[in-house]
Amino acid sequence: MKRNGRKIGLALFCIGITALVVVFVLAAVAFARVPAQIEDPDLVAQRGVAGILAAAAVKALFLLVMTYAASLVASKGIELSHAGRDEGGR
């Protein structure tokens, strides 16, 4: 039973780290286009600079929440892994 807890903890940690990597990739993709959007006169006339920056701010908030959730998953994985090891007496 102790080994199962450690394995589940390590798997959960790996899932959390993978989720963090996905969030960072999504952030890089989402914000690479913002400078080009601000320089595009047609888009600026349509949405305005404030609209483009507001959309970027909303994306940033969603990415912040996703990062926080992924870090919680990773930390719970580490806690499970250490709890399984502590029960074993080693």
N, C-alpha and C. Protein backbone atom coordinates (compact mmCIF):
# COMPACT_ATOMS: atom_id res chain seq x y z
N MET A 1 0.81 -1.18 0.00
CA MET A 1 0.00 0.00 0.00
C MET A 1 0.86 1.26 0.00
N LYS A 2 2.02 1.19 0.68
CA LYS A 2 2.90 2.35 0.76
C LYS A 2 3.47 2.69 -0.61
N ARG A 3 3.81 1.66 -1.35
CA ARG A 3 4.38 1.89 -2.68
C ARG A 3 3.34 2.47 -3.63
N ASN A 4 2.08 2.06 -3.46
CA ASN A 4 1.03 2.62 -4.31
C ASN A 4 0.87 4.11 -4.06
N GLY A 5 0.94 4.52 -2.80
CA GLY A 5 0.84 5.95 -2.48
C GLY A 5 1.98 6.74 -3.08
N ARG A 6 3.18 6.17 -3.03
CA ARG A 6 4.34 6.84 -3.63
C ARG A 6 4.20 6.93 -5.13
N LYS A 7 3.72 5.85 -5.75
CA LYS A 7 3.56 5.86 -7.21
C LYS A 7 2.49 6.84 -7.64
N ILE A 8 1.39 6.86 -6.90
CA ILE A 8 0.32 7.81 -7.22
C ILE A 8 0.82 9.24 -7.01
N GLY A 9 1.57 9.46 -5.96
CA GLY A 9 2.12 10.79 -5.70
C GLY A 9 3.05 11.25 -6.81
N LEU A 10 3.93 10.36 -7.25
CA LEU A 10 4.84 10.73 -8.33
C LEU A 10 4.10 10.95 -9.65
N ALA A 11 3.08 10.14 -9.90
CA ALA A 11 2.29 10.33 -11.12
C ALA A 11 1.56 11.66 -11.07
N LEU A 12 1.01 12.01 -9.92
CA LEU A 12 0.32 13.28 -9.76
C LEU A 12 1.28 14.45 -9.92
N PHE A 13 2.48 14.31 -9.39
CA PHE A 13 3.50 15.33 -9.55
C PHE A 13 3.85 15.52 -11.03
N CYS A 14 4.01 14.42 -11.75
CA CYS A 14 4.31 14.50 -13.18
C CYS A 14 3.17 15.16 -13.96
N ILE A 15 1.95 14.87 -13.58
CA ILE A 15 0.80 15.50 -14.23
C ILE A 15 0.82 17.01 -13.97
N GLY A 16 1.12 17.40 -12.75
CA GLY A 16 1.19 18.82 -12.41
C GLY A 16 2.29 19.54 -13.16
N ILE A 17 3.45 18.93 -13.27
CA ILE A 17 4.56 19.54 -14.01
C ILE A 17 4.21 19.64 -15.49
N THR A 18 3.58 18.60 -16.04
CA THR A 18 3.15 18.65 -17.44
C THR A 18 2.14 19.78 -17.66
N ALA A 19 1.23 19.94 -16.73
CA ALA A 19 0.25 21.02 -16.84
C ALA A 19 0.94 22.39 -16.79
N LEU A 20 1.96 22.53 -15.96
CA LEU A 20 2.71 23.78 -15.92
C LEU A 20 3.40 24.07 -17.24
N VAL A 21 3.99 23.05 -17.84
CA VAL A 21 4.65 23.22 -19.14
C VAL A 21 3.62 23.64 -20.20
N VAL A 22 2.46 23.02 -20.18
CA VAL A 22 1.40 23.37 -21.13
C VAL A 22 0.97 24.82 -20.94
N VAL A 23 0.85 25.26 -19.70
CA VAL A 23 0.45 26.65 -19.43
C VAL A 23 1.51 27.61 -19.96
N PHE A 24 2.79 27.30 -19.77
CA PHE A 24 3.83 28.20 -20.26
C PHE A 24 3.86 28.24 -21.79
N VAL A 25 3.60 27.13 -22.43
CA VAL A 25 3.53 27.12 -23.89
C VAL A 25 2.33 27.93 -24.37
N LEU A 26 1.19 27.76 -23.72
CA LEU A 26 0.01 28.55 -24.06
C LEU A 26 0.26 30.04 -23.87
N ALA A 27 0.98 30.40 -22.83
CA ALA A 27 1.29 31.81 -22.59
C ALA A 27 2.19 32.36 -23.69
N ALA A 28 3.19 31.58 -24.08
CA ALA A 28 4.09 32.03 -25.14
C ALA A 28 3.34 32.22 -26.45
N VAL A 29 2.43 31.32 -26.76
CA VAL A 29 1.65 31.43 -28.00
C VAL A 29 0.67 32.60 -27.92
N ALA A 30 0.02 32.76 -26.79
CA ALA A 30 -1.00 33.80 -26.65
C ALA A 30 -0.41 35.20 -26.69
N PHE A 31 0.74 35.39 -26.09
CA PHE A 31 1.28 36.74 -25.98
C PHE A 31 2.30 37.06 -27.07
N ALA A 32 2.64 36.13 -27.91
CA ALA A 32 3.55 36.43 -29.03
C ALA A 32 2.84 37.28 -30.07
N ARG A 33 1.53 37.19 -30.13
CA ARG A 33 0.75 37.93 -31.13
C ARG A 33 0.33 39.32 -30.68
N VAL A 34 0.43 39.65 -29.42
CA VAL A 34 -0.05 40.94 -28.92
C VAL A 34 0.68 42.13 -29.55
N PRO A 35 2.01 42.15 -29.63
CA PRO A 35 2.66 43.30 -30.27
C PRO A 35 2.25 43.48 -31.74
N ALA A 36 2.09 42.39 -32.45
CA ALA A 36 1.66 42.50 -33.85
C ALA A 36 0.23 43.01 -33.94
N GLN A 37 -0.61 42.66 -32.99
CA GLN A 37 -1.99 43.14 -32.98
C GLN A 37 -2.05 44.64 -32.72
N ILE A 38 -1.18 45.12 -31.85
CA ILE A 38 -1.17 46.54 -31.54
C ILE A 38 -0.68 47.35 -32.74
N GLU A 39 0.24 46.79 -33.53
CA GLU A 39 0.77 47.49 -34.68
C GLU A 39 -0.12 47.41 -35.92
N ASP A 40 -1.12 46.53 -35.90
CA ASP A 40 -2.02 46.38 -37.04
C ASP A 40 -3.06 47.51 -37.03
N PRO A 41 -3.01 48.44 -38.02
CA PRO A 41 -3.93 49.58 -37.97
C PRO A 41 -5.41 49.19 -38.14
N ASP A 42 -5.69 48.14 -38.90
CA ASP A 42 -7.08 47.73 -39.07
C ASP A 42 -7.66 47.18 -37.78
N LEU A 43 -6.88 46.37 -37.09
CA LEU A 43 -7.36 45.79 -35.82
C LEU A 43 -7.48 46.86 -34.75
N VAL A 44 -6.54 47.80 -34.73
CA VAL A 44 -6.61 48.87 -33.74
C VAL A 44 -7.83 49.74 -33.99
N ALA A 45 -8.14 50.00 -35.25
CA ALA A 45 -9.33 50.80 -35.57
C ALA A 45 -10.60 50.06 -35.18
N GLN A 46 -10.55 48.73 -35.30
CA GLN A 46 -11.75 47.93 -35.00
C GLN A 46 -11.95 47.76 -33.50
N ARG A 47 -10.89 47.41 -32.76
CA ARG A 47 -11.03 47.09 -31.34
C ARG A 47 -10.42 48.14 -30.43
N GLY A 48 -9.48 48.91 -30.92
CA GLY A 48 -8.78 49.89 -30.09
C GLY A 48 -7.66 49.22 -29.31
N VAL A 49 -6.68 50.02 -28.95
CA VAL A 49 -5.54 49.49 -28.19
C VAL A 49 -6.01 49.00 -26.82
N ALA A 50 -6.93 49.73 -26.22
CA ALA A 50 -7.43 49.32 -24.90
C ALA A 50 -8.14 47.97 -24.98
N GLY A 51 -8.87 47.73 -26.06
CA GLY A 51 -9.55 46.44 -26.22
C GLY A 51 -8.56 45.29 -26.37
N ILE A 52 -7.50 45.53 -27.12
CA ILE A 52 -6.47 44.50 -27.30
C ILE A 52 -5.76 44.22 -25.99
N LEU A 53 -5.42 45.28 -25.25
CA LEU A 53 -4.74 45.08 -23.97
C LEU A 53 -5.67 44.46 -22.92
N ALA A 54 -6.96 44.78 -22.98
CA ALA A 54 -7.92 44.16 -22.06
C ALA A 54 -8.03 42.66 -22.34
N ALA A 55 -8.05 42.29 -23.62
CA ALA A 55 -8.09 40.87 -23.96
C ALA A 55 -6.83 40.16 -23.48
N ALA A 56 -5.68 40.82 -23.60
CA ALA A 56 -4.43 40.24 -23.10
C ALA A 56 -4.45 40.09 -21.59
N ALA A 57 -5.05 41.07 -20.90
CA ALA A 57 -5.14 40.99 -19.44
C ALA A 57 -6.04 39.83 -19.00
N VAL A 58 -7.14 39.62 -19.72
CA VAL A 58 -8.03 38.50 -19.40
C VAL A 58 -7.31 37.17 -19.62
N LYS A 59 -6.56 37.08 -20.72
CA LYS A 59 -5.78 35.86 -20.97
C LYS A 59 -4.76 35.64 -19.85
N ALA A 60 -4.13 36.72 -19.40
CA ALA A 60 -3.14 36.61 -18.33
C ALA A 60 -3.78 36.10 -17.04
N LEU A 61 -4.97 36.58 -16.73
CA LEU A 61 -5.65 36.11 -15.52
C LEU A 61 -6.01 34.63 -15.60
N PHE A 62 -6.51 34.20 -16.78
CA PHE A 62 -6.82 32.78 -16.94
C PHE A 62 -5.56 31.93 -16.83
N LEU A 63 -4.46 32.40 -17.41
CA LEU A 63 -3.20 31.66 -17.32
C LEU A 63 -2.69 31.62 -15.88
N LEU A 64 -2.92 32.69 -15.14
CA LEU A 64 -2.52 32.71 -13.72
C LEU A 64 -3.30 31.66 -12.93
N VAL A 65 -4.58 31.58 -13.17
CA VAL A 65 -5.41 30.57 -12.47
C VAL A 65 -4.97 29.16 -12.87
N MET A 66 -4.70 28.95 -14.15
CA MET A 66 -4.26 27.62 -14.60
C MET A 66 -2.90 27.27 -13.99
N THR A 67 -2.00 28.24 -13.88
CA THR A 67 -0.70 27.99 -13.27
C THR A 67 -0.85 27.63 -11.80
N TYR A 68 -1.71 28.35 -11.11
CA TYR A 68 -1.93 28.08 -9.69
C TYR A 68 -2.49 26.67 -9.49
N ALA A 69 -3.46 26.30 -10.31
CA ALA A 69 -4.05 24.96 -10.20
C ALA A 69 -3.01 23.88 -10.50
N ALA A 70 -2.19 24.07 -11.52
CA ALA A 70 -1.17 23.07 -11.86
C ALA A 70 -0.14 22.96 -10.75
N SER A 71 0.22 24.08 -10.14
CA SER A 71 1.20 24.00 -9.04
C SER A 71 0.61 23.31 -7.82
N LEU A 72 -0.69 23.49 -7.58
CA LEU A 72 -1.34 22.78 -6.47
C LEU A 72 -1.34 21.27 -6.71
N VAL A 73 -1.61 20.87 -7.95
CA VAL A 73 -1.59 19.44 -8.29
C VAL A 73 -0.20 18.87 -8.07
N ALA A 74 0.83 19.58 -8.52
CA ALA A 74 2.20 19.11 -8.35
C ALA A 74 2.57 19.02 -6.87
N SER A 75 2.16 20.02 -6.08
CA SER A 75 2.52 19.99 -4.66
C SER A 75 1.79 18.86 -3.93
N LYS A 76 0.55 18.59 -4.30
CA LYS A 76 -0.17 17.47 -3.68
C LYS A 76 0.49 16.14 -4.05
N GLY A 77 1.00 16.06 -5.26
CA GLY A 77 1.72 14.86 -5.66
C GLY A 77 2.96 14.63 -4.81
N ILE A 78 3.69 15.70 -4.55
CA ILE A 78 4.88 15.59 -3.69
C ILE A 78 4.47 15.21 -2.27
N GLU A 79 3.39 15.80 -1.77
CA GLU A 79 2.92 15.45 -0.42
C GLU A 79 2.54 13.97 -0.33
N LEU A 80 1.84 13.46 -1.34
CA LEU A 80 1.48 12.04 -1.34
C LEU A 80 2.71 11.16 -1.40
N SER A 81 3.66 11.55 -2.19
CA SER A 81 4.88 10.76 -2.32
C SER A 81 5.64 10.70 -0.99
N HIS A 82 5.74 11.85 -0.33
CA HIS A 82 6.45 11.87 0.96
C HIS A 82 5.64 11.16 2.05
N ALA A 83 4.32 11.25 1.99
CA ALA A 83 3.49 10.54 2.99
C ALA A 83 3.65 9.04 2.84
N GLY A 84 3.73 8.56 1.60
CA GLY A 84 3.93 7.13 1.38
C GLY A 84 5.29 6.67 1.87
N ARG A 85 6.29 7.51 1.74
CA ARG A 85 7.62 7.17 2.19
C ARG A 85 7.70 7.21 3.72
N ASP A 86 7.02 8.18 4.35
CA ASP A 86 7.06 8.30 5.81
C ASP A 86 6.37 7.11 6.50
N GLU A 87 5.33 6.56 5.88
CA GLU A 87 4.64 5.42 6.46
C GLU A 87 5.51 4.18 6.45
N GLY A 88 6.44 4.13 5.51
CA GLY A 88 7.29 2.96 5.38
C GLY A 88 8.40 2.90 6.41
N GLY A 89 8.63 4.00 7.12
CA GLY A 89 9.66 4.01 8.14
C GLY A 89 11.04 4.28 7.59
N ARG A 90 11.15 4.65 6.33
CA ARG A 90 12.47 4.95 5.74
C ARG A 90 12.55 6.36 5.29
